[in-house]
């Protein structure tokens, strides 16, 4: 007998059959060979019986059909059965680990580890449900055995494999679901009405998640690990205030008193937690080790967007003074109040956030709003720096700032720069070159310095494009507008893909109320973060209620006089 098909040669460590019906354990353990080139009659099937998301029983079984599998593995009527059918096994040299097991393969590719006569076969859905990467899985395997990577290189064997994925639903009328990467794929939608419907569904899901997870003090979980059912201790004031701002905008669009109250409670929580009066006429948003320009700007925007200028009038004036104190003749803005050692970092983000705050204070006619000339000179400095060293992080915030300033003044250089920035941004969006569930995200693998793909990145880029598209239409730049609108539709597809939507992508979640409506970080990383939801909600609001431009800003019209 071929050693690879000798069932007595191996012990299945990754799928020990726990609590199976009588007779099944012996069958599975004695008769299931582990090498199959493709799923066919007699192949091994991984199953995991889940109740309330938690794994109750799991293992391998030999079967040529899913029809009676629920009964064979002893699933109860109210339980879901996760299924993976392995195929396409390929040997992986230890030196080629990173190439064979890339992060974006998680949930699609499984890993089989063989070492000193033991075998652990990790199916794609199992790794996805644990939110565990390939490197970490191998490290855990070796760590439990007191072995090193050098030991494994000398004695171990790795194989990758693919797997068909299914969910057998509870006996409640739902149909068996075929999965891709542990969920269902959101298709493209090439219509304007479809984009609006998708934006509305995205926003409604996010808003419902925020209402469910807002605590008694008004706080939202900054980051949550669904696979553990735990809130992360991490924190970030900018991202929290961004979410306060998005809630305020959604309340204004929908007229919902419940959302308005939630936004105000969340804003109060954040202000009480982070606002600090420096005592020199300036206010900052202070975290334990720093105070950032961007945090002050987002806090100010959150006050404006929640209609809270009366309640926080003093704090808003102090924040405005703090932001003004960081203007710089060369950079446009410095970026940190303290520590000085970090000043200049995150300039691409914070300069645009601050300029947007200025633009919005001007639009509302607030007494501390900067003059037009100050806005324009700061804009010109930022534009010149960006042109010398372009970065996508700069684009969405400056797009929103410039669109606001153009809408107020008609000054054409703001509009021209919006078009310039977003024309440059579009090639970073991925489409045909990646798997269907990754399409529409913004990521350039050739430029890793631009950062990894992230739900919050896609959300903020769509936010910017949602201002750029109507601006292009107003200028008669219809071809440009069409390309921006296509990018928006694709970005919405990506955001909706990342949203926890139903039982098919929450089958392993023990606390679904903590994630339903929230967005995963990536298709292969299920951690949720509050700014991923905040940016997506803000983008949806802009799509559903686009920025308006005056008739005298049509093509050929003279620019309006500066205000």
Protein backbone atom coordinates (compact mmCIF):
# COMPACT_ATOMS: atom_id res chain seq x y z
CA UNK A 1 0.00 0.00 0.00
CA UNK A 2 1.17 3.52 -0.81
CA UNK A 3 2.33 5.12 2.47
CA UNK A 4 0.32 8.26 1.73
CA UNK A 5 -2.85 6.16 1.72
CA UNK A 6 -1.98 3.94 4.68
CA UNK A 7 -4.58 4.85 7.32
CA UNK A 8 -2.51 3.33 10.11
CA UNK A 9 0.46 5.56 9.33
CA UNK A 10 -1.14 8.72 10.65
CA UNK A 11 -3.01 10.10 13.65
CA UNK A 12 -5.47 12.89 12.95
CA UNK A 13 -4.64 15.55 15.53
CA UNK A 14 -6.56 18.43 14.01
CA UNK A 15 -9.88 16.62 13.86
CA UNK A 16 -10.21 14.38 16.88
CA UNK A 17 -13.76 13.11 16.85
CA UNK A 18 -15.27 14.17 20.14
CA UNK A 19 -18.53 12.72 21.36
CA UNK A 20 -19.59 11.08 18.10
CA UNK A 21 -22.40 8.56 17.90
CA UNK A 22 -21.44 4.98 18.69
CA UNK A 23 -19.53 3.28 15.89
CA UNK A 24 -18.60 6.44 14.03
CA UNK A 25 -15.34 7.13 15.86
CA UNK A 26 -13.91 3.73 14.95
CA UNK A 27 -14.97 4.08 11.35
CA UNK A 28 -13.49 7.53 10.99
CA UNK A 29 -10.25 6.87 12.83
CA UNK A 30 -9.53 3.50 11.23
CA UNK A 31 -10.68 3.99 7.68
CA UNK A 32 -10.10 7.61 6.67
CA UNK A 33 -6.96 8.09 4.57
CA UNK A 34 -5.73 11.69 4.53
CA UNK A 35 -4.52 12.11 0.97
CA UNK A 36 -7.09 12.83 -1.70
CA UNK A 37 -6.20 14.65 -4.92
CA UNK A 38 -9.78 15.86 -5.35
CA UNK A 39 -13.19 15.45 -3.70
CA UNK A 40 -14.83 12.31 -5.01
CA UNK A 41 -16.92 9.44 -3.64
CA UNK A 42 -15.19 8.08 -0.58
CA UNK A 43 -13.35 11.30 0.27
CA UNK A 44 -12.87 12.68 3.76
CA UNK A 45 -15.07 15.54 4.88
CA UNK A 46 -14.37 17.89 7.75
CA UNK A 47 -17.42 18.71 9.82
CA UNK A 48 -17.95 20.95 12.80
CA UNK A 49 -21.28 21.00 14.62
CA UNK A 50 -21.96 24.46 16.02
CA UNK A 51 -24.58 25.66 18.44
CA UNK A 52 -24.78 29.38 19.03
CA UNK A 53 -21.54 29.72 17.10
CA UNK A 54 -19.57 27.51 19.48
CA UNK A 55 -18.04 24.27 18.21
CA UNK A 56 -19.73 21.34 20.00
CA UNK A 57 -18.34 18.43 18.01
CA UNK A 58 -15.87 18.23 15.13
CA UNK A 59 -13.87 15.75 13.11
CA UNK A 60 -13.42 13.90 9.84
CA UNK A 61 -15.83 11.49 8.23
CA UNK A 62 -15.78 9.52 5.01
CA UNK A 63 -18.77 10.28 2.86
CA UNK A 64 -19.79 10.79 -0.75
CA UNK A 65 -22.85 12.91 -0.03
CA UNK A 66 -24.04 15.73 2.21
CA UNK A 67 -27.63 14.51 2.10
CA UNK A 68 -27.69 12.50 5.31
CA UNK A 69 -24.61 13.99 6.92
CA UNK A 70 -26.50 15.82 9.67
CA UNK A 71 -27.86 12.54 10.94
CA UNK A 72 -24.60 10.66 10.54
CA UNK A 73 -22.66 13.12 12.69
CA UNK A 74 -25.44 13.47 15.26
CA UNK A 75 -26.37 17.11 14.72
CA UNK A 76 -29.42 18.37 16.59
CA UNK A 77 -32.27 20.17 14.87
CA UNK A 78 -31.14 23.63 16.02
CA UNK A 79 -27.46 23.21 15.13
CA UNK A 80 -25.42 24.31 12.12
CA UNK A 81 -22.92 21.93 10.55
CA UNK A 82 -19.82 23.45 8.96
CA UNK A 83 -18.44 21.33 6.10
CA UNK A 84 -15.15 21.42 4.21
CA UNK A 85 -14.22 18.95 1.44
CA UNK A 86 -10.46 19.07 0.83
CA UNK A 87 -8.84 18.79 -2.59
CA UNK A 88 -5.83 19.91 -4.62
CA UNK A 89 -3.14 18.97 -2.10
CA UNK A 90 0.30 20.40 -2.85
CA UNK A 91 3.61 19.89 -1.11
CA UNK A 92 5.15 23.09 0.23
CA UNK A 93 8.88 23.37 0.83
CA UNK A 94 9.56 24.96 4.21
CA UNK A 95 11.52 27.72 2.47
CA UNK A 96 8.44 28.61 0.43
CA UNK A 97 6.06 28.97 3.36
CA UNK A 98 5.34 32.69 2.88
CA UNK A 99 4.71 32.23 -0.83
CA UNK A 100 2.35 29.28 -0.41
CA UNK A 101 0.47 30.65 2.60
CA UNK A 102 -0.15 34.35 1.99
CA UNK A 103 -2.47 36.33 4.28
CA UNK A 104 -5.09 36.69 1.55
CA UNK A 105 -5.19 32.87 1.23
CA UNK A 106 -6.71 32.51 4.69
CA UNK A 107 -10.22 31.14 4.38
CA UNK A 108 -9.51 29.69 0.93
CA UNK A 109 -6.38 27.59 1.45
CA UNK A 110 -5.97 25.01 4.18
CA UNK A 111 -2.73 23.78 5.73
CA UNK A 112 -1.65 20.26 6.57
CA UNK A 113 1.24 19.90 9.01
CA UNK A 114 3.02 16.56 9.39
CA UNK A 115 5.69 16.15 12.02
CA UNK A 116 7.14 13.09 13.72
CA UNK A 117 4.27 10.86 12.67
CA UNK A 118 1.52 13.28 13.62
CA UNK A 119 -0.73 15.20 11.25
CA UNK A 120 -2.73 18.35 11.77
CA UNK A 121 -5.03 19.31 8.93
CA UNK A 122 -6.49 22.81 9.28
CA UNK A 123 -9.36 23.51 6.91
CA UNK A 124 -9.87 27.03 5.53
CA UNK A 125 -13.10 27.57 7.46
CA UNK A 126 -11.54 26.36 10.68
CA UNK A 127 -8.69 28.86 10.38
CA UNK A 128 -11.08 31.63 9.46
CA UNK A 129 -13.33 30.89 12.43
CA UNK A 130 -10.31 31.02 14.76
CA UNK A 131 -9.01 34.15 12.96
CA UNK A 132 -5.60 32.50 12.99
CA UNK A 133 -2.96 33.01 10.34
CA UNK A 134 -0.79 30.29 8.83
CA UNK A 135 2.41 31.30 10.58
CA UNK A 136 0.72 31.45 13.97
CA UNK A 137 -0.92 28.06 13.40
CA UNK A 138 2.43 26.43 12.68
CA UNK A 139 4.03 28.15 15.67
CA UNK A 140 1.27 26.86 17.96
CA UNK A 141 1.66 23.33 16.63
CA UNK A 142 5.42 23.33 17.21
CA UNK A 143 5.16 25.13 20.55
CA UNK A 144 2.88 22.46 21.99
CA UNK A 145 5.50 19.88 21.09
CA UNK A 146 8.53 21.82 22.27
CA UNK A 147 9.90 21.86 18.73
CA UNK A 148 11.64 24.62 16.80
CA UNK A 149 11.33 25.76 13.21
CA UNK A 150 14.72 24.16 12.63
CA UNK A 151 13.36 20.84 13.92
CA UNK A 152 10.41 21.15 11.59
CA UNK A 153 12.60 22.03 8.59
CA UNK A 154 14.53 18.81 9.21
CA UNK A 155 11.65 16.46 10.05
CA UNK A 156 8.39 18.07 9.01
CA UNK A 157 6.23 18.28 5.94
CA UNK A 158 3.73 20.89 4.80
CA UNK A 159 0.95 20.69 2.26
CA UNK A 160 -1.55 23.25 1.12
CA UNK A 161 -5.00 22.34 -0.11
CA UNK A 162 -8.24 23.89 -1.25
CA UNK A 163 -11.68 22.96 0.01
CA UNK A 164 -15.28 23.25 -0.99
CA UNK A 165 -17.18 24.89 1.86
CA UNK A 166 -20.79 24.40 2.93
CA UNK A 167 -23.11 25.12 5.82
CA UNK A 168 -25.87 22.69 6.65
CA UNK A 169 -28.47 24.91 8.33
CA UNK A 170 -30.68 24.06 11.29
CA UNK A 171 -33.85 22.18 10.43
CA UNK A 172 -35.88 25.38 10.04
CA UNK A 173 -36.42 25.62 6.30
CA UNK A 174 -33.17 27.35 5.36
CA UNK A 175 -31.23 25.88 2.47
CA UNK A 176 -27.73 24.46 2.46
CA UNK A 177 -25.33 27.33 1.76
CA UNK A 178 -22.23 27.04 -0.36
CA UNK A 179 -19.57 29.39 0.98
CA UNK A 180 -16.54 31.16 -0.38
CA UNK A 181 -14.01 32.08 2.29
CA UNK A 182 -16.52 31.33 5.03
CA UNK A 183 -19.27 33.55 3.66
CA UNK A 184 -21.29 34.48 0.61
CA UNK A 185 -19.94 36.76 -2.10
CA UNK A 186 -21.59 40.11 -2.76
CA UNK A 187 -21.97 40.62 -6.49
CA UNK A 188 -21.27 43.78 -8.47
CA UNK A 189 -24.04 46.29 -9.15
CA UNK A 190 -23.60 48.69 -12.04
CA UNK A 191 -26.66 50.90 -11.53
CA UNK A 192 -27.09 54.17 -9.65
CA UNK A 193 -30.24 52.88 -7.94
CA UNK A 194 -28.40 49.74 -6.93
CA UNK A 195 -25.62 51.83 -5.40
CA UNK A 196 -28.10 53.85 -3.38
CA UNK A 197 -29.89 50.69 -2.20
CA UNK A 198 -26.57 49.13 -1.24
CA UNK A 199 -25.46 52.30 0.58
CA UNK A 200 -28.75 52.36 2.49
CA UNK A 201 -28.46 48.69 3.50
CA UNK A 202 -24.85 49.23 4.56
CA UNK A 203 -25.76 52.28 6.67
CA UNK A 204 -28.82 50.71 8.26
CA UNK A 205 -26.79 47.68 9.33
CA UNK A 206 -24.03 49.85 10.80
CA UNK A 207 -26.47 52.11 12.63
CA UNK A 208 -28.25 49.10 14.12
CA UNK A 209 -24.91 47.69 15.28
CA UNK A 210 -24.01 51.01 16.91
CA UNK A 211 -27.34 51.22 18.74
CA UNK A 212 -27.00 47.64 20.03
CA UNK A 213 -23.44 48.13 21.23
CA UNK A 214 -23.58 51.63 22.69
CA UNK A 215 -23.06 51.19 26.42
CA UNK A 216 -24.78 53.04 29.25
CA UNK A 217 -22.05 55.70 29.30
CA UNK A 218 -22.25 56.29 25.54
CA UNK A 219 -19.11 54.40 24.56
CA UNK A 220 -18.71 52.00 21.65
CA UNK A 221 -16.22 49.10 21.59
CA UNK A 222 -13.17 50.42 19.74
CA UNK A 223 -12.05 46.99 18.59
CA UNK A 224 -13.67 43.58 19.01
CA UNK A 225 -12.33 40.08 18.41
CA UNK A 226 -15.32 37.97 17.29
CA UNK A 227 -13.49 34.65 17.42
CA UNK A 228 -12.62 35.22 21.08
CA UNK A 229 -15.79 37.11 21.99
CA UNK A 230 -13.60 39.77 23.60
CA UNK A 231 -13.17 43.54 23.41
CA UNK A 232 -9.61 44.60 22.65
CA UNK A 233 -7.89 46.97 25.10
CA UNK A 234 -6.63 49.06 22.16
CA UNK A 235 -7.91 52.61 21.76
CA UNK A 236 -7.72 55.56 19.37
CA UNK A 237 -9.42 58.91 19.96
CA UNK A 238 -9.44 59.99 16.31
CA UNK A 239 -11.35 56.91 15.25
CA UNK A 240 -13.81 57.26 18.10
CA UNK A 241 -14.63 60.88 17.20
CA UNK A 242 -14.94 59.91 13.54
CA UNK A 243 -17.74 57.55 14.58
CA UNK A 244 -19.45 60.29 16.61
CA UNK A 245 -19.36 62.44 13.48
CA UNK A 246 -20.82 59.68 11.29
CA UNK A 247 -23.66 59.08 13.76
CA UNK A 248 -24.50 62.76 13.68
CA UNK A 249 -24.61 62.81 9.89
CA UNK A 250 -26.81 59.72 9.76
CA UNK A 251 -29.18 61.28 12.29
CA UNK A 252 -29.40 64.43 10.17
CA UNK A 253 -30.16 62.40 7.05
CA UNK A 254 -32.76 60.09 8.59
CA UNK A 255 -34.30 62.46 11.12
CA UNK A 256 -34.15 59.63 13.67
CA UNK A 257 -34.44 60.91 17.24
CA UNK A 258 -32.96 57.63 18.49
CA UNK A 259 -29.86 57.99 16.33
CA UNK A 260 -29.55 61.67 17.24
CA UNK A 261 -29.63 60.82 20.94
CA UNK A 262 -27.11 58.00 20.43
CA UNK A 263 -24.74 60.31 18.57
CA UNK A 264 -24.94 62.95 21.28
CA UNK A 265 -24.34 60.36 24.03
CA UNK A 266 -21.34 59.00 22.17
CA UNK A 267 -19.96 62.50 21.66
CA UNK A 268 -20.35 63.31 25.37
CA UNK A 269 -18.56 60.09 26.28
CA UNK A 270 -15.65 60.91 23.98
CA UNK A 271 -15.37 64.54 25.08
CA UNK A 272 -15.39 63.58 28.76
CA UNK A 273 -12.74 60.95 28.12
CA UNK A 274 -10.31 62.89 25.94
CA UNK A 275 -10.80 66.67 25.94
CA UNK A 276 -8.19 68.72 27.81
CA UNK A 277 -7.89 72.47 28.28
CA UNK A 278 -4.18 73.28 28.06
CA UNK A 279 -4.71 76.51 30.00
CA UNK A 280 -3.17 78.73 27.34
CA UNK A 281 -6.31 79.33 25.31
CA UNK A 282 -6.03 76.02 23.46
CA UNK A 283 -7.84 72.72 23.77
CA UNK A 284 -6.64 69.30 22.66
CA UNK A 285 -7.79 65.73 22.52
CA UNK A 286 -5.28 64.10 24.82
CA UNK A 287 -4.40 60.42 24.98
CA UNK A 288 -1.93 59.09 27.53
CA UNK A 289 1.16 59.66 25.40
CA UNK A 290 0.20 62.26 22.82
CA UNK A 291 -2.19 64.86 21.47
CA UNK A 292 -2.74 64.86 17.72
CA UNK A 293 -3.86 67.55 15.30
CA UNK A 294 -6.18 65.03 13.64
CA UNK A 295 -7.90 64.19 16.91
CA UNK A 296 -8.66 67.87 17.60
CA UNK A 297 -10.02 68.26 14.06
CA UNK A 298 -12.23 65.15 14.26
CA UNK A 299 -13.55 66.18 17.66
CA UNK A 300 -14.45 69.56 16.23
CA UNK A 301 -16.17 67.97 13.24
CA UNK A 302 -18.08 65.62 15.54
CA UNK A 303 -19.40 68.60 17.52
CA UNK A 304 -20.49 70.29 14.28
CA UNK A 305 -22.07 67.17 12.80
CA UNK A 306 -24.03 66.44 15.97
CA UNK A 307 -25.41 69.96 16.18
CA UNK A 308 -23.71 70.36 19.54
CA UNK A 309 -22.10 73.78 19.10
CA UNK A 310 -24.20 75.11 21.95
CA UNK A 311 -23.44 72.34 24.40
CA UNK A 312 -19.71 72.36 23.62
CA UNK A 313 -19.24 76.01 22.61
CA UNK A 314 -16.28 76.57 24.91
CA UNK A 315 -14.56 73.32 24.01
CA UNK A 316 -15.07 73.92 20.29
CA UNK A 317 -13.48 77.38 20.48
CA UNK A 318 -10.51 75.97 22.36
CA UNK A 319 -10.10 73.14 19.85
CA UNK A 320 -10.23 75.65 16.99
CA UNK A 321 -7.53 77.72 18.68
CA UNK A 322 -5.42 74.62 19.14
CA UNK A 323 -5.73 73.66 15.48
CA UNK A 324 -4.87 77.20 14.39
CA UNK A 325 -1.75 77.11 16.58
CA UNK A 326 -0.36 74.23 14.55
CA UNK A 327 -0.39 76.04 11.18
CA UNK A 328 3.04 76.10 9.56
CA UNK A 329 4.49 78.26 6.77
CA UNK A 330 6.15 75.28 5.09
CA UNK A 331 3.99 72.25 5.89
CA UNK A 332 0.59 73.88 6.12
CA UNK A 333 0.10 72.15 9.46
CA UNK A 334 2.27 70.57 12.10
CA UNK A 335 0.74 67.35 13.33
CA UNK A 336 1.31 66.86 17.09
CA UNK A 337 0.76 69.10 20.08
CA UNK A 338 2.96 66.70 22.00
CA UNK A 339 5.35 64.95 22.05
CA UNK A 340 7.59 67.08 19.82
CA UNK A 341 9.41 63.94 18.68
CA UNK A 342 6.34 62.84 16.71
CA UNK A 343 5.64 66.14 15.01
CA UNK A 344 5.36 65.67 11.24
CA UNK A 345 4.11 62.09 11.47
CA UNK A 346 0.75 61.20 9.88
CA UNK A 347 0.82 64.48 7.97
CA UNK A 348 -1.07 63.01 5.01
CA UNK A 349 -4.06 62.29 7.26
CA UNK A 350 -4.06 65.12 9.76
CA UNK A 351 -3.48 68.03 7.37
CA UNK A 352 -6.62 67.11 5.43
CA UNK A 353 -8.68 66.56 8.58
CA UNK A 354 -7.68 69.99 9.86
CA UNK A 355 -8.39 71.69 6.52
CA UNK A 356 -11.81 70.03 6.42
CA UNK A 357 -12.54 71.35 9.92
CA UNK A 358 -11.60 74.85 8.75
CA UNK A 359 -13.80 74.51 5.67
CA UNK A 360 -16.78 73.39 7.73
CA UNK A 361 -16.40 76.19 10.28
CA UNK A 362 -16.39 78.67 7.38
CA UNK A 363 -19.48 77.06 5.87
CA UNK A 364 -21.30 77.50 9.16
CA UNK A 365 -20.05 81.06 9.65
CA UNK A 366 -18.50 80.42 13.07
CA UNK A 367 -16.64 83.35 14.64
CA UNK A 368 -13.32 81.51 14.91
CA UNK A 369 -13.36 80.27 11.30
CA UNK A 370 -10.17 81.16 9.38
CA UNK A 371 -10.18 83.65 6.53
CA UNK A 372 -10.42 82.47 2.97
CA UNK A 373 -6.84 83.58 2.32
CA UNK A 374 -5.59 81.50 5.22
CA UNK A 375 -7.45 78.44 3.91
CA UNK A 376 -6.13 78.97 0.41
CA UNK A 377 -2.49 79.51 1.42
CA UNK A 378 -2.57 76.41 3.63
CA UNK A 379 -4.21 74.42 0.85
CA UNK A 380 -1.51 75.51 -1.62
CA UNK A 381 1.28 74.39 0.69
CA UNK A 382 -0.38 71.00 1.20
CA UNK A 383 -1.01 70.62 -2.53
CA UNK A 384 2.64 71.32 -3.35
CA UNK A 385 3.90 68.76 -0.84
CA UNK A 386 1.48 66.12 -2.13
CA UNK A 387 2.56 66.69 -5.72
CA UNK A 388 6.17 66.07 -4.73
CA UNK A 389 5.39 62.86 -2.85
CA UNK A 390 1.93 61.49 -3.54
CA UNK A 391 0.24 59.24 -0.98
CA UNK A 392 -3.30 57.86 -1.11
CA UNK A 393 -3.92 58.68 2.57
CA UNK A 394 -3.81 62.36 1.63
CA UNK A 395 -6.55 62.11 -0.99
CA UNK A 396 -9.91 61.54 0.76
CA UNK A 397 -9.59 64.14 3.51
CA UNK A 398 -8.26 66.83 1.18
CA UNK A 399 -10.93 65.90 -1.37
CA UNK A 400 -13.64 66.57 1.20
CA UNK A 401 -12.00 69.82 2.31
CA UNK A 402 -11.53 71.09 -1.24
CA UNK A 403 -15.06 70.09 -2.28
CA UNK A 404 -16.45 72.05 0.68
CA UNK A 405 -14.32 75.10 -0.12
CA UNK A 406 -15.26 74.94 -3.80
CA UNK A 407 -18.95 74.64 -2.96
CA UNK A 408 -18.65 77.74 -0.78
CA UNK A 409 -16.47 79.91 -3.01
CA UNK A 410 -16.46 78.56 -6.57
CA UNK A 411 -12.69 78.94 -6.58
CA UNK A 412 -11.66 76.60 -9.39
CA UNK A 413 -8.25 75.51 -8.08
CA UNK A 414 -9.99 73.55 -5.31
CA UNK A 415 -12.07 71.65 -7.85
CA UNK A 416 -9.15 71.03 -10.18
CA UNK A 417 -7.13 69.52 -7.36
CA UNK A 418 -10.02 67.21 -6.41
CA UNK A 419 -10.00 65.83 -9.95
CA UNK A 420 -6.22 65.55 -10.01
CA UNK A 421 -6.08 63.64 -6.73
CA UNK A 422 -8.84 61.19 -7.51
CA UNK A 423 -7.64 60.48 -11.04
CA UNK A 424 -4.36 59.42 -9.44
CA UNK A 425 -6.12 57.35 -6.77
CA UNK A 426 -8.33 55.19 -8.99
CA UNK A 427 -5.68 52.67 -10.18
CA UNK A 428 -5.09 51.66 -6.56
CA UNK A 429 -8.56 50.10 -6.42
CA UNK A 430 -8.42 46.35 -7.11
CA UNK A 431 -10.92 44.56 -9.32
CA UNK A 432 -10.31 41.82 -11.88
CA UNK A 433 -6.89 40.78 -10.57
CA UNK A 434 -8.14 39.52 -7.19
CA UNK A 435 -10.67 37.04 -5.83
CA UNK A 436 -14.32 38.03 -6.13
CA UNK A 437 -14.70 38.80 -2.42
CA UNK A 438 -11.73 41.23 -2.46
CA UNK A 439 -12.86 43.26 -5.46
CA UNK A 440 -13.40 46.95 -4.88
CA UNK A 441 -10.93 47.38 -2.05
CA UNK A 442 -8.11 49.93 -2.29
CA UNK A 443 -4.66 48.38 -2.09
CA UNK A 444 -1.48 48.52 -4.15
CA UNK A 445 0.67 45.42 -3.47
CA UNK A 446 3.48 47.05 -5.45
CA UNK A 447 3.58 49.94 -2.97
CA UNK A 448 3.47 48.35 0.50
CA UNK A 449 4.47 51.69 2.02
CA UNK A 450 0.90 52.85 1.27
CA UNK A 451 -0.33 50.42 3.90
CA UNK A 452 -2.26 47.13 3.98
CA UNK A 453 -5.83 46.74 2.76
CA UNK A 454 -8.33 47.71 5.45
CA UNK A 455 -12.07 48.28 5.68
CA UNK A 456 -11.48 51.78 7.05
CA UNK A 457 -9.27 52.65 4.07
CA UNK A 458 -11.86 51.54 1.54
CA UNK A 459 -14.50 53.46 3.51
CA UNK A 460 -12.62 56.74 3.58
CA UNK A 461 -11.67 56.51 -0.11
CA UNK A 462 -15.33 56.03 -0.98
CA UNK A 463 -16.13 59.04 1.22
CA UNK A 464 -13.80 61.19 -0.85
CA UNK A 465 -15.03 59.82 -4.17
CA UNK A 466 -18.62 60.50 -3.08
CA UNK A 467 -17.68 64.21 -3.06
CA UNK A 468 -15.53 64.01 -6.20
CA UNK A 469 -18.26 62.44 -8.37
CA UNK A 470 -20.93 65.17 -7.98
CA UNK A 471 -18.21 67.82 -8.30
CA UNK A 472 -17.14 66.32 -11.62
CA UNK A 473 -20.77 66.24 -12.77
CA UNK A 474 -21.22 69.90 -11.82
CA UNK A 475 -18.19 70.80 -13.94
CA UNK A 476 -19.42 68.82 -16.93
CA UNK A 477 -16.60 66.30 -16.52
CA UNK A 478 -18.95 63.42 -17.24
CA UNK A 479 -16.35 60.83 -18.19
CA UNK A 480 -14.48 61.49 -14.99
CA UNK A 481 -17.72 61.39 -13.03
CA UNK A 482 -18.56 58.01 -14.51
CA UNK A 483 -15.18 56.60 -13.51
CA UNK A 484 -15.60 57.92 -9.96
CA UNK A 485 -19.13 56.54 -9.75
CA UNK A 486 -17.93 53.14 -10.92
CA UNK A 487 -15.25 53.21 -8.23
CA UNK A 488 -17.91 54.11 -5.64
CA UNK A 489 -20.08 51.16 -6.70
CA UNK A 490 -17.10 48.84 -6.50
CA UNK A 491 -16.09 50.23 -3.14
CA UNK A 492 -19.62 49.72 -1.83
CA UNK A 493 -19.43 46.11 -2.97
CA UNK A 494 -16.24 45.67 -0.95
CA UNK A 495 -17.70 47.34 2.14
CA UNK A 496 -20.90 45.32 2.02
CA UNK A 497 -18.77 42.18 1.60
CA UNK A 498 -16.95 42.98 4.83
CA UNK A 499 -20.15 43.60 6.76
CA UNK A 500 -21.45 40.81 8.99
CA UNK A 501 -24.86 40.31 7.39
CA UNK A 502 -26.50 36.98 8.24
CA UNK A 503 -26.09 33.46 9.63
CA UNK A 504 -23.89 32.40 6.74
CA UNK A 505 -21.02 34.70 7.70
CA UNK A 506 -21.69 34.52 11.46
CA UNK A 507 -21.94 30.73 11.79
CA UNK A 508 -18.95 30.65 14.15
CA UNK A 509 -19.81 33.79 16.17
CA UNK A 510 -20.89 33.13 19.74
CA UNK A 511 -22.19 36.67 20.30
CA UNK A 512 -23.73 37.73 16.99
CA UNK A 513 -25.27 40.88 18.45
CA UNK A 514 -21.73 42.19 18.92
CA UNK A 515 -20.91 41.99 15.23
CA UNK A 516 -24.07 42.01 13.12
CA UNK A 517 -23.82 45.13 10.95
CA UNK A 518 -20.16 45.79 11.83
CA UNK A 519 -17.34 45.44 9.30
CA UNK A 520 -14.47 42.98 9.36
CA UNK A 521 -11.00 44.44 8.94
CA UNK A 522 -10.40 42.32 5.84
CA UNK A 523 -12.14 39.38 4.22
CA UNK A 524 -9.60 37.17 6.00
CA UNK A 525 -9.39 39.04 9.32
CA UNK A 526 -12.65 39.18 11.24
CA UNK A 527 -11.64 41.74 13.90
CA UNK A 528 -14.02 44.71 13.89
CA UNK A 529 -12.96 48.30 14.53
CA UNK A 530 -15.17 51.27 15.17
CA UNK A 531 -13.66 53.46 12.44
CA UNK A 532 -14.33 50.81 9.79
CA UNK A 533 -18.00 51.24 10.60
CA UNK A 534 -17.67 55.02 10.95
CA UNK A 535 -16.05 55.60 7.57
CA UNK A 536 -18.49 53.27 5.81
CA UNK A 537 -21.46 55.03 7.42
CA UNK A 538 -20.11 58.47 6.50
CA UNK A 539 -19.55 57.30 2.92
CA UNK A 540 -23.10 55.96 2.70
CA UNK A 541 -24.49 59.30 3.92
CA UNK A 542 -22.57 61.16 1.20
CA UNK A 543 -23.87 58.77 -1.47
CA UNK A 544 -27.45 59.11 -0.27
CA UNK A 545 -27.21 62.90 0.08
CA UNK A 546 -24.50 64.20 -2.28
CA UNK A 547 -22.87 67.57 -1.78
CA UNK A 548 -24.59 70.33 -3.77
CA UNK A 549 -22.89 72.87 -6.02
CA UNK A 550 -24.39 76.13 -7.24
CA UNK A 551 -25.46 76.73 -10.82
CA UNK A 552 -22.75 79.38 -11.27
CA UNK A 553 -20.15 76.64 -10.74
CA UNK A 554 -21.14 74.97 -14.01
CA UNK A 555 -18.50 74.67 -16.75
CA UNK A 556 -17.61 77.98 -18.30
CA UNK A 557 -18.98 80.04 -15.44
CA UNK A 558 -16.72 82.55 -13.76
CA UNK A 559 -15.42 81.54 -10.37
CA UNK A 560 -17.30 83.08 -7.51
CA UNK A 561 -15.53 85.73 -5.47
CA UNK A 562 -13.81 84.40 -2.39
CA UNK A 563 -15.93 84.61 0.73
